[in-house]
Amino acid sequence: MVFSSSIFLFCFLPVLLLVYYLIKESYRNGLLLIASLAFYAWGEPKFVFVIILSILINYGFGLLLHLSKKKGNRASRFIMLMGVAANCGLLFYFKYFDFFLSSFNSISGFEIPLKNIILPIGISFFTFQGLSYVIDLYLNKVEVQKNLLKFALFKAFFPQLIAGPIVRYVDVHDQIDSRLTTVDDFAYGVRRFIMGLGKKVIIANTLGQVADNIFSLSADQNTSAIAWVGAICYTFQIYFDFSGYSDMAIGLARMFGFKFKENFDFPYVSKSVTEFWRRWHISLSSWFRDYLYIPLGGNRRGNVYFNLLIVFFVTGLWHGAAWNFVIWGLWHGLFLIVERILKNKGFDIRSLKIASWFYTTLIVIIGWVLFRASNLTQAINYLKVMFGFSNSTNAAFSVGYYLSPTVITTLVLAVIASIPISKYFKNTIGDFGDHSIFSMIIQNMYAIIILIISMMFLATSTYNPFIYFRF
């Protein structure tokens, strides 16, 4: 079940909201847990046991850590490491076993048969969620959750279960215990959900179809201009697809009284790759900073470049069990290292202003080609076409075929929506305040218009994938 599906919008969500606010507060966590497991089972019924197993593993190690602290740090450290190993082992089996076996076969010449393991939806997200709980508990950043129902809700709460944001226990434990939803909170949640829905179905889906068509072309059917259109369309598709999902997740959580942290901060206005990663998928980048980069040594001179390479190697691998994802991660890591070296020599790449934005955007677009391609060979061939190193011999269409009026309009809309235009609006005409009559009228009218247009798009199209579902 996806947030933009008819079954979710017109059945699951309204029924759940109605029952949630009719029953006693003491029953609400149980209702949300049942609904969350049903939500997951709708698309992956045979893998419900995986999320339940993950819940039990982390709940159990949490209790063991709590008990072990009476016996000293050595016992606690051992249990924490076992908890980390259990989480990573579960993720490795389902996501990476076949990848490493295939790589081993290629290197060794062996032909060990692959298991063809199907990837459970959301396993990368809820595994990292469990890891953060176990590690934070060991570091005394949180108190153990002894109530299994409450812990299960933390792990399985449906808004963030499939594709994040990666919610940490330290940020929501008090909300699981007790929460109050005001009318303003609920209204904000509805508007935020609608904004995410619009990003997804109006922008991401429209440009995604163009990107899919172009990336499916062979090198001899493609041209440089067409390849650039495909890369740019995908650049916007992945942002509005994923940030749209995050907006919907944040909005849904707010409707039920939970406040999630932001996951995106207009990454395409970045003037360095370093800044891009402060703005892109914030819950993941901050996770790697806190649980991998800093434990490796962080910014200590002498280790920093190696640490960055390790972090972005793992970042690439987290996104997918394929070498093009690994190269994508290392590509970004390389430029973070270059920027760090320049900064240590007294030069900040962002001082170039507009040139630094072009540089960052180019690096990001090239990276998205590596990310989108089905394998590393296709990515290299696609990049050759983009930069004119491969001549088309069998192009069936010109670039104008892909740039219909609808696509051009959507691209313009995508550019505008990628800019924090509300800040400029406030600076130009003044800040009316979120609770002023004028502001509320504008916000609600805006949400209603987006909802109507989104419903029209959903009614006339069957194209509705979510990119990050496969991670």
Protein backbone atom coordinates (compact mmCIF):
# COMPACT_ATOMS: atom_id res chain seq x y z
CA MET A 1 0.00 0.00 0.00
CA VAL A 2 1.36 3.42 -0.93
CA PHE A 3 0.26 6.81 0.36
CA SER A 4 -0.85 7.95 -3.08
CA SER A 5 -3.02 4.89 -3.79
CA SER A 6 -6.81 5.05 -3.82
CA ILE A 7 -7.14 2.33 -1.19
CA PHE A 8 -5.01 4.35 1.22
CA LEU A 9 -6.51 7.78 0.49
CA PHE A 10 -10.17 6.79 0.48
CA CYS A 11 -10.31 3.77 2.78
CA PHE A 12 -7.35 3.05 5.06
CA LEU A 13 -6.56 6.60 6.21
CA PRO A 14 -10.08 7.98 6.80
CA VAL A 15 -11.25 4.82 8.60
CA LEU A 16 -8.12 4.76 10.77
CA LEU A 17 -8.45 8.45 11.67
CA LEU A 18 -12.13 8.03 12.52
CA VAL A 19 -11.56 5.03 14.79
CA TYR A 20 -8.41 6.58 16.32
CA TYR A 21 -10.23 9.68 17.55
CA LEU A 22 -13.33 7.77 18.68
CA ILE A 23 -11.59 5.28 20.97
CA LYS A 24 -9.99 5.88 24.37
CA GLU A 25 -6.48 7.28 24.42
CA SER A 26 -5.18 4.15 26.16
CA TYR A 27 -6.17 2.03 23.14
CA ARG A 28 -4.65 4.27 20.48
CA ASN A 29 -1.11 2.85 20.45
CA GLY A 30 -2.52 -0.64 20.01
CA LEU A 31 -4.72 0.51 17.15
CA LEU A 32 -1.79 2.22 15.41
CA LEU A 33 0.36 -0.90 15.76
CA ILE A 34 -2.32 -3.16 14.28
CA ALA A 35 -2.93 -0.67 11.47
CA SER A 36 0.81 -0.38 10.79
CA LEU A 37 1.30 -4.14 10.50
CA ALA A 38 -1.77 -4.34 8.24
CA PHE A 39 -0.35 -1.50 6.14
CA TYR A 40 2.91 -3.42 5.70
CA ALA A 41 1.15 -6.73 5.08
CA TRP A 42 -0.93 -5.22 2.29
CA GLY A 43 2.10 -5.13 0.01
CA GLU A 44 4.40 -7.70 1.66
CA PRO A 45 2.26 -10.24 3.59
CA LYS A 46 4.97 -12.91 3.59
CA PHE A 47 7.53 -10.50 5.05
CA VAL A 48 5.55 -9.31 8.06
CA PHE A 49 7.63 -11.81 10.03
CA VAL A 50 10.77 -9.80 9.13
CA ILE A 51 9.53 -6.59 10.74
CA ILE A 52 8.23 -8.60 13.73
CA LEU A 53 11.61 -10.35 14.02
CA SER A 54 13.37 -6.98 13.88
CA ILE A 55 11.08 -5.68 16.64
CA LEU A 56 11.79 -8.70 18.87
CA ILE A 57 15.56 -8.59 18.23
CA ASN A 58 15.90 -4.94 19.21
CA TYR A 59 13.43 -5.17 22.08
CA GLY A 60 15.32 -8.17 23.46
CA PHE A 61 18.74 -6.59 23.12
CA GLY A 62 17.37 -3.46 24.75
CA LEU A 63 16.32 -5.44 27.82
CA LEU A 64 19.66 -7.28 27.90
CA LEU A 65 21.55 -3.99 27.71
CA HIS A 66 19.48 -2.61 30.56
CA LEU A 67 20.26 -5.64 32.73
CA SER A 68 23.93 -5.81 31.72
CA LYS A 69 24.71 -2.30 32.95
CA LYS A 70 24.68 -3.67 36.48
CA LYS A 71 27.59 -5.92 35.49
CA GLY A 72 29.83 -3.23 33.99
CA ASN A 73 30.77 -1.66 30.68
CA ARG A 74 32.41 -4.77 29.22
CA ALA A 75 29.21 -6.81 29.35
CA SER A 76 27.17 -3.90 27.98
CA ARG A 77 29.59 -3.39 25.12
CA PHE A 78 29.47 -7.07 24.20
CA ILE A 79 25.66 -7.10 24.14
CA MET A 80 25.56 -3.85 22.14
CA LEU A 81 27.93 -5.36 19.55
CA MET A 82 25.79 -8.50 19.38
CA GLY A 83 22.72 -6.32 18.82
CA VAL A 84 24.48 -4.45 16.03
CA ALA A 85 25.59 -7.77 14.49
CA ALA A 86 22.05 -9.18 14.65
CA ASN A 87 20.60 -6.13 12.89
CA CYS A 88 23.33 -6.06 10.26
CA GLY A 89 23.06 -9.82 9.75
CA LEU A 90 19.35 -9.57 9.02
CA LEU A 91 19.95 -6.75 6.54
CA PHE A 92 22.92 -8.53 4.95
CA TYR A 93 21.01 -11.75 4.32
CA PHE A 94 18.04 -10.16 2.60
CA LYS A 95 19.80 -7.32 0.78
CA TYR A 96 23.44 -8.23 0.16
CA PHE A 97 23.87 -12.01 0.24
CA ASP A 98 23.25 -12.51 -3.49
CA PHE A 99 25.26 -9.38 -4.36
CA PHE A 100 28.36 -10.56 -2.54
CA LEU A 101 27.92 -14.11 -3.82
CA SER A 102 27.63 -12.81 -7.40
CA SER A 103 30.71 -10.63 -6.93
CA PHE A 104 32.61 -13.60 -5.49
CA ASN A 105 31.62 -15.75 -8.47
CA SER A 106 32.83 -13.04 -10.88
CA ILE A 107 36.20 -12.72 -9.16
CA SER A 108 36.85 -16.40 -8.45
CA GLY A 109 35.31 -17.96 -11.53
CA PHE A 110 33.08 -20.18 -9.39
CA GLU A 111 29.42 -20.69 -10.24
CA ILE A 112 27.79 -20.93 -6.84
CA PRO A 113 24.02 -20.64 -7.45
CA LEU A 114 22.33 -17.50 -6.16
CA LYS A 115 19.43 -17.72 -3.74
CA ASN A 116 17.42 -14.99 -5.55
CA ILE A 117 16.34 -13.54 -2.21
CA ILE A 118 13.47 -11.05 -2.42
CA LEU A 119 14.12 -7.78 -0.59
CA PRO A 120 11.52 -6.94 2.09
CA ILE A 121 10.21 -3.40 1.63
CA GLY A 122 11.71 -0.87 4.04
CA ILE A 123 14.28 -3.21 5.61
CA SER A 124 17.12 -0.68 5.24
CA PHE A 125 15.08 1.94 7.08
CA PHE A 126 13.76 -0.11 9.98
CA THR A 127 17.14 -1.82 10.44
CA PHE A 128 18.89 1.52 10.89
CA GLN A 129 16.11 2.56 13.24
CA GLY A 130 16.82 -0.50 15.39
CA LEU A 131 20.57 0.08 15.28
CA SER A 132 20.17 3.64 16.55
CA TYR A 133 18.06 2.40 19.49
CA VAL A 134 20.57 -0.24 20.57
CA ILE A 135 23.55 2.10 20.25
CA ASP A 136 21.82 5.04 21.96
CA LEU A 137 20.79 2.75 24.80
CA TYR A 138 24.39 1.62 25.23
CA LEU A 139 25.55 5.27 25.23
CA ASN A 140 22.91 6.16 27.85
CA LYS A 141 21.18 8.60 25.50
CA VAL A 142 17.80 6.91 26.05
CA GLU A 143 16.06 4.80 28.67
CA VAL A 144 15.06 1.23 27.84
CA GLN A 145 11.48 0.72 26.65
CA LYS A 146 10.10 -2.23 28.63
CA ASN A 147 6.62 -2.08 27.11
CA LEU A 148 6.67 -4.31 24.02
CA LEU A 149 3.61 -2.66 22.47
CA LYS A 150 5.13 0.81 22.71
CA PHE A 151 8.46 -0.39 21.34
CA ALA A 152 6.75 -2.21 18.48
CA LEU A 153 4.90 0.99 17.58
CA PHE A 154 8.19 2.89 17.51
CA LYS A 155 9.60 0.35 15.05
CA ALA A 156 6.52 -0.26 12.91
CA PHE A 157 4.61 3.06 12.86
CA PHE A 158 3.36 3.08 9.27
CA PRO A 159 4.17 6.67 8.15
CA GLN A 160 7.93 6.04 8.44
CA LEU A 161 8.03 2.25 8.12
CA ILE A 162 8.54 1.88 4.36
CA ALA A 163 10.78 4.77 3.29
CA GLY A 164 11.60 6.88 6.31
CA PRO A 165 12.44 9.37 7.58
CA ILE A 166 14.68 7.28 9.83
CA VAL A 167 13.11 8.13 13.19
CA ARG A 168 15.23 7.72 16.31
CA TYR A 169 13.77 6.57 19.59
CA VAL A 170 15.26 9.56 21.41
CA ASP A 171 13.10 11.87 19.29
CA VAL A 172 9.73 10.15 19.77
CA HIS A 173 9.78 8.15 23.01
CA ASP A 174 7.88 10.78 24.96
CA GLN A 175 5.32 11.07 22.15
CA ILE A 176 4.71 7.31 22.26
CA ASP A 177 3.95 7.60 25.97
CA SER A 178 1.65 10.60 25.66
CA ARG A 179 0.72 13.03 22.90
CA LEU A 180 -1.83 15.73 22.27
CA THR A 181 -3.13 16.63 18.82
CA THR A 182 -4.51 20.14 18.51
CA VAL A 183 -6.70 21.37 15.68
CA ASP A 184 -3.73 23.37 14.38
CA ASP A 185 -1.51 20.28 14.47
CA PHE A 186 -4.07 18.19 12.62
CA ALA A 187 -4.64 20.91 10.01
CA TYR A 188 -0.89 21.27 9.51
CA GLY A 189 -0.60 17.51 9.07
CA VAL A 190 -3.32 17.50 6.40
CA ARG A 191 -1.71 20.39 4.51
CA ARG A 192 1.73 18.80 4.74
CA PHE A 193 0.38 15.49 3.46
CA ILE A 194 -1.33 17.23 0.52
CA MET A 195 1.87 19.09 -0.32
CA GLY A 196 3.77 15.80 -0.44
CA LEU A 197 1.02 14.17 -2.50
CA GLY A 198 1.24 17.01 -5.02
CA LYS A 199 5.02 16.70 -5.24
CA LYS A 200 4.65 13.00 -5.93
CA VAL A 201 1.77 12.74 -8.39
CA ILE A 202 2.03 16.10 -10.19
CA ILE A 203 5.80 16.54 -10.53
CA ALA A 204 7.61 13.25 -9.81
CA ASN A 205 5.24 10.99 -11.74
CA THR A 206 5.13 13.27 -14.80
CA LEU A 207 8.90 13.64 -15.06
CA GLY A 208 9.47 10.03 -14.03
CA GLN A 209 7.74 8.73 -17.14
CA VAL A 210 10.04 10.85 -19.31
CA ALA A 211 13.12 9.67 -17.42
CA ASP A 212 12.05 6.02 -17.70
CA ASN A 213 11.52 6.31 -21.45
CA ILE A 214 14.90 7.95 -22.03
CA PHE A 215 16.92 5.70 -19.73
CA SER A 216 15.42 2.69 -21.52
CA LEU A 217 17.00 3.81 -24.81
CA SER A 218 20.13 2.07 -26.02
CA ALA A 219 23.22 4.22 -26.60
CA ASP A 220 22.72 4.26 -30.39
CA GLN A 221 19.11 5.44 -29.97
CA ASN A 222 20.06 8.31 -27.69
CA THR A 223 21.49 11.76 -28.32
CA SER A 224 23.32 14.19 -26.06
CA ALA A 225 20.32 16.53 -25.82
CA ILE A 226 17.88 13.69 -25.08
CA ALA A 227 20.24 12.21 -22.49
CA TRP A 228 20.46 15.55 -20.68
CA VAL A 229 16.67 15.83 -20.65
CA GLY A 230 16.44 12.35 -19.15
CA ALA A 231 19.06 13.11 -16.50
CA ILE A 232 17.43 16.41 -15.52
CA CYS A 233 13.98 14.81 -15.38
CA TYR A 234 15.30 12.08 -13.11
CA THR A 235 17.09 14.65 -10.95
CA PHE A 236 13.75 16.30 -10.25
CA GLN A 237 11.85 13.00 -10.10
CA ILE A 238 13.92 11.50 -7.30
CA TYR A 239 13.80 14.70 -5.26
CA PHE A 240 10.05 15.24 -5.52
CA ASP A 241 9.35 11.51 -5.20
CA PHE A 242 11.35 11.10 -2.01
CA SER A 243 10.76 14.51 -0.42
CA GLY A 244 7.08 14.12 -1.32
CA TYR A 245 6.99 10.82 0.55
CA SER A 246 8.76 12.42 3.51
CA ASP A 247 6.25 15.29 3.52
CA MET A 248 3.39 12.80 3.50
CA ALA A 249 5.01 10.80 6.32
CA ILE A 250 5.57 13.93 8.42
CA GLY A 251 2.00 15.07 7.75
CA LEU A 252 0.48 11.69 8.60
CA ALA A 253 2.49 11.48 11.81
CA ARG A 254 1.31 14.96 12.82
CA MET A 255 -2.33 13.91 12.31
CA PHE A 256 -1.76 11.24 14.97
CA GLY A 257 0.14 13.54 17.32
CA PHE A 258 3.74 12.69 16.37
CA LYS A 259 6.28 15.32 15.32
CA PHE A 260 8.99 14.01 12.99
CA LYS A 261 12.11 15.96 12.10
CA GLU A 262 12.56 17.38 8.60
CA ASN A 263 14.22 15.15 6.00
CA PHE A 264 14.93 17.64 3.19
CA ASP A 265 15.93 21.30 3.10
CA PHE A 266 15.90 22.39 -0.57
CA PRO A 267 19.07 20.46 -1.55
CA TYR A 268 19.15 21.78 -5.13
CA VAL A 269 20.06 25.30 -3.99
CA SER A 270 23.33 23.95 -2.55
CA LYS A 271 26.61 25.59 -3.53
CA SER A 272 28.82 22.66 -2.58
CA VAL A 273 28.50 18.89 -2.38
CA THR A 274 29.09 19.19 1.35
CA GLU A 275 26.11 21.52 1.64
CA PHE A 276 24.05 19.19 -0.55
CA TRP A 277 24.49 16.39 1.98
CA ARG A 278 23.42 18.68 4.80
CA ARG A 279 20.16 19.24 2.94
CA TRP A 280 19.51 15.85 1.28
CA HIS A 281 17.95 12.90 3.17
CA ILE A 282 18.89 14.52 6.46
CA SER A 283 17.80 11.58 8.62
CA LEU A 284 20.21 9.27 6.76
CA SER A 285 23.17 11.65 6.48
CA SER A 286 22.90 12.56 10.18
CA TRP A 287 22.61 8.84 11.02
CA PHE A 288 25.89 8.09 9.23
CA ARG A 289 27.50 11.13 10.87
CA ASP A 290 26.53 10.05 14.39
CA TYR A 291 26.89 6.27 14.15
CA LEU A 292 29.72 5.79 11.63
CA TYR A 293 31.68 8.97 10.83
CA ILE A 294 32.20 10.16 14.42
CA PRO A 295 33.02 6.66 15.80
CA LEU A 296 35.60 6.31 12.99
CA GLY A 297 37.31 9.46 14.22
CA GLY A 298 35.28 12.19 12.57
CA ASN A 299 37.18 15.37 11.75
CA ARG A 300 40.43 14.44 13.45
CA ARG A 301 43.25 15.43 11.11
CA GLY A 302 44.86 12.47 9.35
CA ASN A 303 41.75 10.28 9.43
CA VAL A 304 39.10 12.56 7.99
CA TYR A 305 39.54 11.67 4.29
CA PHE A 306 39.59 7.94 4.94
CA ASN A 307 36.56 8.33 7.20
CA LEU A 308 34.66 10.19 4.48
CA LEU A 309 35.44 7.48 1.92
CA ILE A 310 34.24 4.75 4.27
CA VAL A 311 31.03 6.64 5.07
CA PHE A 312 30.15 7.26 1.43
CA PHE A 313 31.10 3.74 0.39
CA VAL A 314 28.58 2.49 2.96
CA THR A 315 26.09 5.20 1.95
CA GLY A 316 26.17 3.93 -1.62
CA LEU A 317 25.89 0.32 -0.50
CA TRP A 318 22.96 1.20 1.80
CA HIS A 319 21.01 2.42 -1.22
CA GLY A 320 21.43 -0.73 -3.25
CA ALA A 321 23.31 -3.99 -3.69
CA ALA A 322 24.97 -3.03 -6.97
CA TRP A 323 28.29 -1.49 -7.95
CA ASN A 324 26.72 1.57 -9.56
CA PHE A 325 25.34 2.54 -6.13
CA VAL A 326 28.78 2.06 -4.58
CA ILE A 327 30.38 4.23 -7.28
CA TRP A 328 27.63 6.83 -6.75
CA GLY A 329 28.50 6.98 -3.06
CA LEU A 330 32.25 7.20 -3.71
CA TRP A 331 31.63 9.88 -6.37
CA HIS A 332 30.04 12.11 -3.75
CA GLY A 333 32.66 11.19 -1.16
CA LEU A 334 35.45 12.17 -3.56
CA PHE A 335 34.11 15.70 -3.97
CA LEU A 336 33.53 16.09 -0.24
CA ILE A 337 37.21 15.26 0.22
CA VAL A 338 38.26 17.75 -2.48
CA GLU A 339 36.13 20.46 -0.87
CA ARG A 340 37.58 19.65 2.56
CA ILE A 341 41.15 19.89 1.19
CA LEU A 342 40.40 23.25 -0.45
CA LYS A 343 38.78 24.53 2.73
CA ASN A 344 41.83 23.52 4.78
CA LYS A 345 43.92 25.61 2.37
CA GLY A 346 41.67 28.61 2.96
CA PHE A 347 39.40 28.36 -0.08
CA ASP A 348 35.64 27.87 0.32
CA ILE A 349 34.05 26.60 -2.91
CA ARG A 350 30.84 28.45 -2.03
CA SER A 351 32.62 31.78 -2.44
CA LEU A 352 32.29 31.30 -6.21
CA LYS A 353 28.55 31.91 -5.76
CA ILE A 354 26.69 31.10 -9.03
CA ALA A 355 29.64 29.10 -10.39
CA SER A 356 29.65 26.96 -7.24
CA TRP A 357 25.95 26.23 -7.77
CA PHE A 358 26.60 25.09 -11.36
CA TYR A 359 29.49 22.94 -10.17
CA THR A 360 27.38 21.31 -7.44
CA THR A 361 24.41 20.75 -9.73
CA LEU A 362 26.62 19.12 -12.38
CA ILE A 363 28.18 16.76 -9.84
CA VAL A 364 24.75 15.84 -8.47
CA ILE A 365 23.23 15.23 -11.94
CA ILE A 366 26.14 12.99 -12.97
CA GLY A 367 25.69 11.15 -9.70
CA TRP A 368 22.00 10.60 -10.38
CA VAL A 369 22.86 8.97 -13.71
CA LEU A 370 25.01 6.47 -11.81
CA PHE A 371 22.15 6.01 -9.36
CA ARG A 372 19.39 5.58 -11.96
CA ALA A 373 21.16 3.28 -14.40
CA SER A 374 20.36 -0.42 -14.12
CA ASN A 375 24.07 -1.24 -13.90
CA LEU A 376 27.49 0.40 -14.12
CA THR A 377 27.89 -0.36 -17.83
CA GLN A 378 24.65 1.41 -18.72
CA ALA A 379 25.66 4.38 -16.54
CA ILE A 380 29.00 4.75 -18.35
CA ASN A 381 27.37 4.46 -21.78
CA TYR A 382 24.71 7.01 -20.80
CA LEU A 383 27.33 9.48 -19.58
CA LYS A 384 29.28 9.04 -22.82
CA VAL A 385 26.19 10.05 -24.76
CA MET A 386 25.52 13.01 -22.42
CA PHE A 387 28.97 14.47 -22.95
CA GLY A 388 29.16 13.77 -26.68
CA PHE A 389 31.59 10.84 -26.62
CA SER A 390 29.12 8.49 -28.32
CA ASN A 391 27.34 9.29 -31.58
CA SER A 392 23.74 8.23 -32.13
CA THR A 393 23.19 6.08 -35.20
CA ASN A 394 19.58 5.06 -34.71
CA ALA A 395 17.75 7.86 -32.87
CA ALA A 396 14.03 7.46 -33.52
CA PHE A 397 12.97 10.82 -32.05
CA SER A 398 14.31 14.32 -31.58
CA VAL A 399 14.56 15.95 -28.17
CA GLY A 400 11.33 17.84 -28.88
CA TYR A 401 9.42 14.57 -28.75
CA TYR A 402 10.14 14.30 -25.02
CA LEU A 403 9.61 17.99 -24.24
CA SER A 404 5.85 18.23 -24.58
CA PRO A 405 4.09 21.34 -23.21
CA THR A 406 3.09 19.32 -20.14
CA VAL A 407 6.69 18.26 -19.47
CA ILE A 408 8.04 21.79 -19.98
CA THR A 409 5.41 23.20 -17.62
CA THR A 410 6.23 20.54 -15.04
CA LEU A 411 9.96 21.27 -15.32
CA VAL A 412 9.30 24.96 -14.69
CA LEU A 413 7.12 24.04 -11.72
CA ALA A 414 9.87 21.72 -10.44
CA VAL A 415 12.46 24.50 -10.60
CA ILE A 416 10.19 26.88 -8.69
CA ALA A 417 9.31 24.23 -6.08
CA SER A 418 13.01 23.45 -5.57
CA ILE A 419 13.61 26.99 -4.27
CA PRO A 420 12.60 28.13 -0.76
CA ILE A 421 10.37 30.71 -2.39
CA SER A 422 8.23 31.23 0.72
CA LYS A 423 11.22 32.89 2.41
CA TYR A 424 11.61 35.32 -0.46
CA PHE A 425 7.86 35.91 -0.43
CA LYS A 426 7.96 36.85 3.26
CA ASN A 427 10.96 39.11 2.74
CA THR A 428 9.17 40.89 -0.11
CA ILE A 429 5.68 41.52 1.28
CA GLY A 430 6.22 40.85 4.97
CA ASP A 431 5.51 37.97 7.31
CA PHE A 432 1.79 37.67 8.02
CA GLY A 433 2.40 34.90 10.56
CA ASP A 434 1.29 31.29 10.32
CA HIS A 435 -1.90 31.94 12.32
CA SER A 436 -3.09 35.16 10.68
CA ILE A 437 -6.38 35.06 8.78
CA PHE A 438 -4.63 35.96 5.52
CA SER A 439 -2.01 33.24 5.97
CA MET A 440 -4.56 30.55 6.85
CA ILE A 441 -6.77 31.41 3.86
CA ILE A 442 -3.80 31.26 1.47
CA GLN A 443 -2.49 27.99 2.94
CA ASN A 444 -5.87 26.26 2.84
CA MET A 445 -6.71 27.46 -0.68
CA TYR A 446 -3.29 26.33 -1.84
CA ALA A 447 -3.81 22.89 -0.27
CA ILE A 448 -7.29 22.48 -1.78
CA ILE A 449 -6.05 23.36 -5.26
CA ILE A 450 -3.13 20.92 -4.99
CA LEU A 451 -5.45 18.19 -3.71
CA ILE A 452 -7.91 18.65 -6.60
CA ILE A 453 -5.13 18.61 -9.20
CA SER A 454 -3.52 15.58 -7.55
CA MET A 455 -6.82 13.67 -7.62
CA MET A 456 -7.15 14.48 -11.32
CA PHE A 457 -3.66 13.12 -11.99
CA LEU A 458 -4.33 9.97 -9.98
CA ALA A 459 -7.61 9.38 -11.83
CA THR A 460 -5.99 9.59 -15.26
CA SER A 461 -2.68 7.77 -14.70
CA THR A 462 -1.56 4.32 -13.57
CA TYR A 463 2.10 5.37 -13.20
CA ASN A 464 2.69 5.66 -9.45
CA PRO A 465 6.00 4.14 -8.27
CA PHE A 466 8.00 5.21 -5.21
CA ILE A 467 11.74 5.11 -5.92
CA TYR A 468 12.91 4.57 -2.34
CA PHE A 469 10.62 1.57 -1.80
CA ARG A 470 13.35 -0.63 -3.28
CA PHE A 471 15.87 0.40 -0.62
